[in-house]
Amino acid sequence: MELSNLKPAEGATHSTKRIGRGQGSGRGGTSTRGHKGAQSRSGYSSKTGYEGGQMSLTRRVPKFGFTNINRVEFKAVNLDVIEALAQKLKVTTIDEKALYEAGYISKKDLVKILGNGTLTQVLEIKAHAFSKSAEEAIKALNGTVVKI
């Protein structure tokens, strides 16, 4: 066996349809395109979403709801995550740079600190927003809350 004489296994391939090669082939004449109409002619390409005149799916499915263009989306980070990060890095200040380097947020994310979990050490936390419970938990330990 050499690269020059490799072949697929017996029965693994099908011969291609030889379309438009005379009436004797069974696929001559209209060449499987039917009679007349756009699809029988060369250069035909269907429009995206066109369903042959049937009302398209995008028009059949009802639309509802509202998208607020002024919505501000925050990346939520809980206190237990901040506690673990502060212990791991052995720091007293947690800001968005530390959260980014730890992989909790992306570069352009706005950060909101949420109050899930407990804090045991005094920290200075810098973020774009804080929940009431998180702010109270940080201040209860004499930590500082800095809104960016």
Protein backbone atom coordinates (compact mmCIF):
# COMPACT_ATOMS: atom_id res chain seq x y z
CA MET A 1 0.00 0.00 0.00
CA GLU A 2 1.28 3.44 -0.99
CA LEU A 3 -0.16 6.94 -1.01
CA SER A 4 -0.56 6.74 -4.77
CA ASN A 5 -2.96 3.77 -4.65
CA LEU A 6 -5.14 4.50 -1.60
CA LYS A 7 -8.90 4.10 -2.18
CA PRO A 8 -11.99 4.43 0.06
CA ALA A 9 -13.47 1.18 1.38
CA GLU A 10 -15.91 -0.71 -0.83
CA GLY A 11 -19.39 0.88 -0.59
CA ALA A 12 -18.17 3.94 1.31
CA THR A 13 -18.72 6.34 -1.59
CA HIS A 14 -21.55 7.05 -4.01
CA SER A 15 -21.11 8.08 -7.62
CA THR A 16 -22.20 11.68 -8.26
CA LYS A 17 -25.38 12.48 -10.24
CA ARG A 18 -24.35 13.39 -13.79
CA ILE A 19 -27.02 16.02 -14.46
CA GLY A 20 -27.75 17.36 -17.95
CA ARG A 21 -25.91 14.64 -19.89
CA GLY A 22 -28.67 13.53 -22.24
CA GLN A 23 -32.07 11.81 -22.01
CA GLY A 24 -30.54 8.35 -21.66
CA SER A 25 -29.13 9.26 -18.26
CA GLY A 26 -32.61 9.91 -16.86
CA ARG A 27 -31.45 13.35 -15.75
CA GLY A 28 -31.33 15.20 -19.04
CA GLY A 29 -33.86 17.69 -20.37
CA THR A 30 -34.78 19.87 -17.39
CA SER A 31 -31.82 18.53 -15.38
CA THR A 32 -33.89 17.97 -12.21
CA ARG A 33 -34.98 21.65 -12.16
CA GLY A 34 -38.63 21.18 -13.18
CA HIS A 35 -40.36 23.34 -15.80
CA LYS A 36 -40.08 27.14 -16.09
CA GLY A 37 -39.90 29.62 -13.21
CA ALA A 38 -37.00 31.36 -11.54
CA GLN A 39 -35.56 28.20 -9.99
CA SER A 40 -35.23 26.53 -13.37
CA ARG A 41 -33.02 29.30 -14.74
CA SER A 42 -29.37 30.10 -14.26
CA GLY A 43 -28.45 32.92 -11.90
CA TYR A 44 -31.30 32.12 -9.49
CA SER A 45 -30.60 32.68 -5.81
CA SER A 46 -33.33 32.67 -3.17
CA LYS A 47 -33.71 35.57 -0.76
CA THR A 48 -32.86 34.82 2.87
CA GLY A 49 -36.01 33.92 4.77
CA TYR A 50 -38.19 33.71 1.62
CA GLU A 51 -40.65 30.83 1.83
CA GLY A 52 -42.14 30.81 -1.66
CA GLY A 53 -44.81 33.40 -0.94
CA GLN A 54 -45.90 31.80 2.34
CA MET A 55 -45.82 34.33 5.16
CA SER A 56 -42.27 34.16 6.49
CA LEU A 57 -41.45 32.98 9.99
CA THR A 58 -40.28 36.43 11.07
CA ARG A 59 -43.72 37.83 10.23
CA ARG A 60 -45.72 34.87 11.63
CA VAL A 61 -44.16 34.91 15.11
CA PRO A 62 -45.60 37.61 17.38
CA LYS A 63 -43.39 40.34 18.73
CA PHE A 64 -43.70 41.64 22.25
CA GLY A 65 -41.67 43.31 24.96
CA PHE A 66 -39.49 46.34 25.09
CA THR A 67 -35.75 46.91 25.04
CA ASN A 68 -34.57 49.86 27.06
CA ILE A 69 -31.74 51.52 25.16
CA ASN A 70 -30.59 53.30 28.33
CA ARG A 71 -30.16 50.10 30.36
CA VAL A 72 -26.94 49.90 32.36
CA GLU A 73 -25.78 46.33 32.86
CA PHE A 74 -23.52 45.45 35.78
CA LYS A 75 -21.40 42.38 36.39
CA ALA A 76 -22.40 41.05 39.81
CA VAL A 77 -19.66 40.08 42.29
CA ASN A 78 -20.59 38.75 45.73
CA LEU A 79 -18.86 39.45 49.04
CA ASP A 80 -17.69 35.84 49.42
CA VAL A 81 -15.80 36.17 46.10
CA ILE A 82 -14.18 39.39 47.31
CA GLU A 83 -13.29 37.79 50.66
CA ALA A 84 -11.60 34.85 48.90
CA LEU A 85 -9.77 37.17 46.51
CA ALA A 86 -8.51 39.40 49.33
CA GLN A 87 -7.18 36.37 51.24
CA LYS A 88 -5.56 34.95 48.12
CA LEU A 89 -3.86 38.21 47.12
CA LYS A 90 -3.27 39.31 50.75
CA VAL A 91 -4.49 42.86 50.04
CA THR A 92 -6.78 45.34 51.79
CA THR A 93 -8.00 47.12 48.64
CA ILE A 94 -10.11 45.43 45.98
CA ASP A 95 -10.78 47.34 42.78
CA GLU A 96 -11.86 46.49 39.24
CA LYS A 97 -8.24 45.89 38.19
CA ALA A 98 -7.84 43.15 40.82
CA LEU A 99 -11.16 41.56 39.78
CA TYR A 100 -10.14 41.69 36.11
CA GLU A 101 -6.75 40.09 36.74
CA ALA A 102 -8.42 37.35 38.81
CA GLY A 103 -10.75 36.65 35.84
CA TYR A 104 -14.05 37.60 37.49
CA ILE A 105 -14.86 40.44 35.09
CA SER A 106 -14.02 41.58 31.56
CA LYS A 107 -12.14 44.74 30.68
CA LYS A 108 -15.14 47.04 30.13
CA ASP A 109 -17.57 45.53 32.66
CA LEU A 110 -19.29 47.73 35.21
CA VAL A 111 -19.08 46.06 38.64
CA LYS A 112 -21.81 45.82 41.26
CA ILE A 113 -21.00 44.34 44.65
CA LEU A 114 -23.76 42.15 46.09
CA GLY A 115 -24.18 41.07 49.70
CA ASN A 116 -24.13 37.27 49.37
CA GLY A 117 -21.54 35.79 51.72
CA THR A 118 -19.73 37.24 54.74
CA LEU A 119 -16.71 39.45 55.24
CA THR A 120 -14.21 38.82 58.03
CA GLN A 121 -11.57 41.43 57.21
CA VAL A 122 -11.55 45.20 56.83
CA LEU A 123 -11.40 46.07 53.15
CA GLU A 124 -11.53 49.10 50.90
CA ILE A 125 -13.70 48.14 47.94
CA LYS A 126 -13.93 50.20 44.76
CA ALA A 127 -16.81 49.45 42.38
CA HIS A 128 -19.41 51.17 40.22
CA ALA A 129 -22.38 50.17 42.41
CA PHE A 130 -23.18 48.41 45.70
CA SER A 131 -26.30 46.71 47.01
CA LYS A 132 -27.58 47.98 50.38
CA SER A 133 -26.75 44.71 52.13
CA ALA A 134 -23.20 44.69 50.73
CA GLU A 135 -22.61 48.30 51.72
CA GLU A 136 -23.89 47.62 55.26
CA ALA A 137 -21.71 44.49 55.60
CA ILE A 138 -18.58 46.37 54.51
CA LYS A 139 -19.26 49.35 56.78
CA ALA A 140 -20.10 47.08 59.74
CA LEU A 141 -16.42 46.03 59.77
CA ASN A 142 -15.24 49.65 59.40
CA GLY A 143 -14.35 49.01 55.74
CA THR A 144 -14.69 51.70 53.09
CA VAL A 145 -16.97 51.78 50.08
CA VAL A 146 -15.75 53.80 47.07
CA LYS A 147 -18.10 54.33 44.14
CA ILE A 148 -16.18 54.83 40.90
